[in-house]
Protein backbone atom coordinates (compact mmCIF):
# COMPACT_ATOMS: atom_id res chain seq x y z
CA MET A 1 57.23 76.57 33.41
CA SER A 2 55.73 73.41 34.89
CA SER A 3 55.64 70.01 33.26
CA SER A 4 53.76 66.83 34.12
CA TYR A 5 54.49 63.17 33.61
CA GLU A 6 52.97 59.90 34.69
CA ILE A 7 54.96 57.62 36.96
CA PRO A 8 54.83 54.21 35.26
CA LEU A 9 53.34 51.61 37.62
CA THR A 10 52.13 48.03 37.44
CA PRO A 11 49.84 46.11 39.83
CA SER A 12 52.66 44.57 41.86
CA ALA A 13 55.05 45.55 44.62
CA GLN A 14 57.91 47.45 43.04
CA THR A 15 61.00 49.47 43.83
CA PHE A 16 62.44 51.95 41.36
CA SER A 17 64.56 55.09 41.02
CA ILE A 18 62.92 58.26 39.76
CA GLN A 19 63.79 61.90 39.28
CA LEU A 20 61.42 64.32 41.01
CA GLY A 21 62.17 68.00 40.76
CA GLY A 22 65.74 67.34 39.60
CA GLN A 23 66.61 64.96 42.46
CA THR A 24 66.86 61.17 42.33
CA TYR A 25 64.72 59.19 44.76
CA GLN A 26 63.94 55.54 45.43
CA ILE A 27 60.23 54.64 45.51
CA TYR A 28 58.91 51.46 47.09
CA MET A 29 55.26 50.85 46.11
CA ARG A 30 53.13 48.10 47.61
CA TRP A 31 49.54 47.02 48.17
CA ASN A 32 48.35 47.08 51.79
CA ASN A 33 45.97 44.11 52.24
CA PHE A 34 44.74 45.37 55.60
CA SER A 35 43.38 48.68 54.29
CA ASN A 36 43.04 47.70 50.59
CA ILE A 37 45.04 50.65 49.34
CA TRP A 38 48.34 51.29 47.60
CA VAL A 39 51.05 52.91 49.74
CA PHE A 40 54.55 54.05 48.92
CA ASP A 41 57.79 55.06 50.61
CA ILE A 42 60.28 57.63 49.36
CA SER A 43 63.99 57.34 50.10
CA ASP A 44 66.89 59.45 48.93
CA SER A 45 69.31 58.13 46.32
CA ALA A 46 71.35 56.40 49.09
CA ARG A 47 68.14 54.61 50.19
CA ASN A 48 67.80 56.59 53.42
CA PRO A 49 64.06 56.75 54.24
CA LEU A 50 62.45 60.18 53.89
CA VAL A 51 58.73 59.39 54.18
CA GLN A 52 56.97 56.07 54.56
CA ALA A 53 53.55 54.51 53.95
CA ILE A 54 51.99 57.40 52.02
CA PRO A 55 48.55 56.17 50.89
CA LEU A 56 47.59 56.70 47.24
CA VAL A 57 44.45 58.79 47.66
CA THR A 58 42.83 61.03 45.09
CA GLY A 59 42.10 64.74 45.26
CA VAL A 60 45.19 65.87 47.18
CA ASP A 61 48.86 66.58 46.60
CA LEU A 62 50.51 63.58 48.25
CA LEU A 63 53.72 65.57 48.81
CA ALA A 64 52.09 68.64 50.41
CA PRO A 65 52.59 67.41 54.00
CA TYR A 66 56.37 67.38 53.43
CA PRO A 67 57.37 70.92 52.37
CA ASP A 68 60.73 70.67 54.16
CA LEU A 69 61.80 67.89 51.78
CA GLN A 70 61.44 70.20 48.75
CA PHE A 71 60.39 67.59 46.19
CA GLY A 72 59.99 70.35 43.58
CA GLY A 73 56.43 69.59 42.54
CA THR A 74 53.13 67.94 43.27
CA LEU A 75 52.10 64.30 43.15
CA ILE A 76 48.45 63.49 42.47
CA VAL A 77 46.41 60.37 41.73
CA VAL A 78 43.67 60.35 39.09
CA THR A 79 41.45 57.57 37.78
CA ASP A 80 39.99 57.56 34.28
CA GLY A 81 36.26 58.25 34.25
CA ASP A 82 36.09 59.08 37.97
CA LEU A 83 38.62 61.56 39.28
CA THR A 84 37.69 60.74 42.88
CA ALA A 85 38.03 56.93 42.65
CA VAL A 86 40.78 55.42 44.77
CA PRO A 87 43.13 53.12 42.80
CA THR A 88 42.39 49.44 43.11
CA PHE A 89 44.93 46.64 43.11
CA ASP A 90 44.19 45.84 39.45
CA ASN A 91 43.89 49.30 37.90
CA ILE A 92 47.08 51.00 39.09
CA GLY A 93 49.08 52.08 36.05
CA THR A 94 46.24 51.33 33.63
CA SER A 95 43.19 53.42 34.51
CA SER A 96 44.56 54.89 37.77
CA HIS A 97 47.55 57.15 37.28
CA VAL A 98 50.11 58.85 39.51
CA ILE A 99 51.13 62.20 38.03
CA PHE A 100 54.12 64.34 39.06
CA THR A 101 53.97 68.02 38.10
CA THR A 102 57.04 70.20 38.57
CA SER A 103 56.70 73.56 40.32
C-alpha cells in the first residue's frame, strides 16, 4: 500500500534529513538565481553525494532518472491552482508542494 506526504519546505536555502522509502537521506535545497528555479541535492546519511542539482519541475517523477538508487517511491512537484506551474522563490512550501509517494 502506498502513502504520500509533503516534504516541508520554506523559501530559503536549507539542509535537512528525511526518510524516503525507509532510508535516511540528507537534502540540500537552494534557489538557483541563474535559471530562477529551485534545485536540490540528495546525499546518503553519511553525507556522501548521490545526485546533485535536480531541478524542481512539475509533471514528472524527479527520482525516475535514478532507478539504481532505489529511493522507494516517487517525488513530484505540484502547485495549487495550476498543476503545471513551476515553483517560484516565494511559493515553495506554501502553494507549491513537493510530495513523496512510497511504492
